[in-house]
């Protein structure tokens, strides 16, 4: 499953702790980053990742849960989503 994620440091967190932990961390099996960007204000970031399961995503984010608030959303390619949206909207229109 492809995931889009955003995160921000929890209030009062010393970001040095998060940086030290991230530098020592290795993503768990079944979780791969495709891109990872830091916010320019230094308060968090965003990423695109592949997770083989919800458990892999939970393990990856759980390593930082005490420091960081995460928001994860499954995502798909726009070329895949457009026909699905058209099909769903067509169904909605058909039932009035």
C-alpha atoms as a PDB file:
ATOM      1  CA  UNK A   1       0.000   0.000   0.000  1.00  0.00           C
ATOM      2  CA  UNK A   2       1.303   3.421  -0.970  1.00  0.00           C
ATOM      3  CA  UNK A   3       1.033   5.991   1.830  1.00  0.00           C
ATOM      4  CA  UNK A   4       1.252   9.757   1.972  1.00  0.00           C
ATOM      5  CA  UNK A   5       2.322  10.922   5.397  1.00  0.00           C
ATOM      6  CA  UNK A   6       2.768  14.184   7.223  1.00  0.00           C
ATOM      7  CA  UNK A   7       4.152  14.665  10.683  1.00  0.00           C
ATOM      8  CA  UNK A   8       4.946  17.376  13.199  1.00  0.00           C
ATOM      9  CA  UNK A   9       6.796  17.400  16.469  1.00  0.00           C
ATOM     10  CA  UNK A  10       4.639  17.295  19.570  1.00  0.00           C
ATOM     11  CA  UNK A  11       4.587  20.440  21.702  1.00  0.00           C
ATOM     12  CA  UNK A  12       7.589  20.673  24.000  1.00  0.00           C
ATOM     13  CA  UNK A  13       9.644  17.981  22.231  1.00  0.00           C
ATOM     14  CA  UNK A  14      13.385  18.588  21.997  1.00  0.00           C
ATOM     15  CA  UNK A  15      14.021  18.028  18.297  1.00  0.00           C
ATOM     16  CA  UNK A  16      17.589  16.928  19.057  1.00  0.00           C
ATOM     17  CA  UNK A  17      16.112  13.766  20.592  1.00  0.00           C
ATOM     18  CA  UNK A  18      14.146  13.085  17.400  1.00  0.00           C
ATOM     19  CA  UNK A  19      17.147  13.719  15.174  1.00  0.00           C
ATOM     20  CA  UNK A  20      19.371  11.403  17.208  1.00  0.00           C
ATOM     21  CA  UNK A  21      16.731   8.670  17.139  1.00  0.00           C
ATOM     22  CA  UNK A  22      16.119   9.040  13.387  1.00  0.00           C
ATOM     23  CA  UNK A  23      19.843   8.819  12.639  1.00  0.00           C
ATOM     24  CA  UNK A  24      20.027   5.516  14.570  1.00  0.00           C
ATOM     25  CA  UNK A  25      16.775   4.109  13.123  1.00  0.00           C
ATOM     26  CA  UNK A  26      16.312   1.647  10.284  1.00  0.00           C
ATOM     27  CA  UNK A  27      12.853   1.299   8.705  1.00  0.00           C
ATOM     28  CA  UNK A  28      11.252  -2.062   9.529  1.00  0.00           C
ATOM     29  CA  UNK A  29      10.860  -4.834   6.973  1.00  0.00           C
ATOM     30  CA  UNK A  30       7.929  -4.060   4.710  1.00  0.00           C
ATOM     31  CA  UNK A  31       8.254  -0.263   4.956  1.00  0.00           C
ATOM     32  CA  UNK A  32      10.146   1.699   2.279  1.00  0.00           C
ATOM     33  CA  UNK A  33      10.426   5.449   1.757  1.00  0.00           C
ATOM     34  CA  UNK A  34       9.994   6.671  -1.833  1.00  0.00           C
ATOM     35  CA  UNK A  35      10.560  10.295  -0.841  1.00  0.00           C
ATOM     36  CA  UNK A  36      10.959  12.161   2.434  1.00  0.00           C
ATOM     37  CA  UNK A  37      11.016  15.940   2.855  1.00  0.00           C
ATOM     38  CA  UNK A  38      11.507  18.257   5.819  1.00  0.00           C
ATOM     39  CA  UNK A  39       9.317  21.304   6.364  1.00  0.00           C
ATOM     40  CA  UNK A  40      11.236  24.553   5.929  1.00  0.00           C
ATOM     41  CA  UNK A  41      10.134  25.698   9.396  1.00  0.00           C
ATOM     42  CA  UNK A  42      11.907  22.696  10.954  1.00  0.00           C
ATOM     43  CA  UNK A  43       8.750  21.473  12.699  1.00  0.00           C
ATOM     44  CA  UNK A  44       8.147  18.255  10.795  1.00  0.00           C
ATOM     45  CA  UNK A  45       7.909  16.870   7.299  1.00  0.00           C
ATOM     46  CA  UNK A  46       6.142  14.732   4.749  1.00  0.00           C
ATOM     47  CA  UNK A  47       6.833  11.497   2.924  1.00  0.00           C
ATOM     48  CA  UNK A  48       5.624   8.951   0.422  1.00  0.00           C
ATOM     49  CA  UNK A  49       6.219   5.373   1.541  1.00  0.00           C
ATOM     50  CA  UNK A  50       5.270   1.837   0.627  1.00  0.00           C
ATOM     51  CA  UNK A  51       3.955  -0.348   3.435  1.00  0.00           C
ATOM     52  CA  UNK A  52       3.319  -4.047   2.912  1.00  0.00           C
ATOM     53  CA  UNK A  53       0.820  -3.954   5.776  1.00  0.00           C
ATOM     54  CA  UNK A  54      -0.757  -1.699   8.372  1.00  0.00           C
ATOM     55  CA  UNK A  55       1.494  -3.466  10.893  1.00  0.00           C
ATOM     56  CA  UNK A  56       4.625  -2.303   9.029  1.00  0.00           C
ATOM     57  CA  UNK A  57       3.346   1.294   8.999  1.00  0.00           C
ATOM     58  CA  UNK A  58       2.495   1.047  12.695  1.00  0.00           C
ATOM     59  CA  UNK A  59       5.972  -0.223  13.530  1.00  0.00           C
ATOM     60  CA  UNK A  60       7.630   2.516  11.467  1.00  0.00           C
ATOM     61  CA  UNK A  61       5.684   5.365  13.050  1.00  0.00           C
ATOM     62  CA  UNK A  62       5.617   3.774  16.503  1.00  0.00           C
ATOM     63  CA  UNK A  63       9.345   4.282  16.865  1.00  0.00           C
ATOM     64  CA  UNK A  64       8.654   8.035  17.063  1.00  0.00           C
ATOM     65  CA  UNK A  65       5.115   8.196  18.453  1.00  0.00           C
ATOM     66  CA  UNK A  66       6.176   9.785  21.728  1.00  0.00           C
ATOM     67  CA  UNK A  67       7.871  12.650  19.835  1.00  0.00           C
ATOM     68  CA  UNK A  68       5.845  13.118  16.674  1.00  0.00           C
ATOM     69  CA  UNK A  69       2.193  13.240  15.600  1.00  0.00           C
ATOM     70  CA  UNK A  70       1.662  11.378  12.306  1.00  0.00           C
ATOM     71  CA  UNK A  71      -1.108  11.508   9.699  1.00  0.00           C
ATOM     72  CA  UNK A  72      -1.014   8.647   7.166  1.00  0.00           C
ATOM     73  CA  UNK A  73      -3.310   8.359   4.148  1.00  0.00           C
ATOM     74  CA  UNK A  74      -3.360   5.604   1.518  1.00  0.00           C
ATOM     75  CA  UNK A  75      -2.755   7.153  -1.921  1.00  0.00           C
ATOM     76  CA  UNK A  76      -2.918   5.993  -5.537  1.00  0.00           C
ATOM     77  CA  UNK A  77      -1.769   7.268  -8.894  1.00  0.00           C
ATOM     78  CA  UNK A  78      -4.101   9.847 -10.436  1.00  0.00           C
ATOM     79  CA  UNK A  79      -4.412   7.768 -13.608  1.00  0.00           C
ATOM     80  CA  UNK A  80      -5.779   4.922 -11.500  1.00  0.00           C
ATOM     81  CA  UNK A  81      -8.049   7.140  -9.405  1.00  0.00           C
ATOM     82  CA  UNK A  82      -9.815   9.012 -12.237  1.00  0.00           C
ATOM     83  CA  UNK A  83     -11.645   5.976 -13.706  1.00  0.00           C
ATOM     84  CA  UNK A  84     -12.604   4.843 -10.203  1.00  0.00           C
ATOM     85  CA  UNK A  85     -14.025   8.295  -9.406  1.00  0.00           C
ATOM     86  CA  UNK A  86     -15.933   8.323 -12.717  1.00  0.00           C
ATOM     87  CA  UNK A  87     -17.385   4.858 -11.994  1.00  0.00           C
ATOM     88  CA  UNK A  88     -18.402   5.774  -8.437  1.00  0.00           C
ATOM     89  CA  UNK A  89     -19.932   9.108  -9.477  1.00  0.00           C
ATOM     90  CA  UNK A  90     -21.788   7.362 -12.302  1.00  0.00           C
ATOM     91  CA  UNK A  91     -23.238   4.914  -9.795  1.00  0.00           C
ATOM     92  CA  UNK A  92     -24.246   7.758  -7.442  1.00  0.00           C
ATOM     93  CA  UNK A  93     -25.956   9.576 -10.340  1.00  0.00           C
ATOM     94  CA  UNK A  94     -27.792   6.387 -11.351  1.00  0.00           C
ATOM     95  CA  UNK A  95     -29.550   6.080  -8.002  1.00  0.00           C
ATOM     96  CA  UNK A  96     -30.506   9.745  -7.837  1.00  0.00           C
END
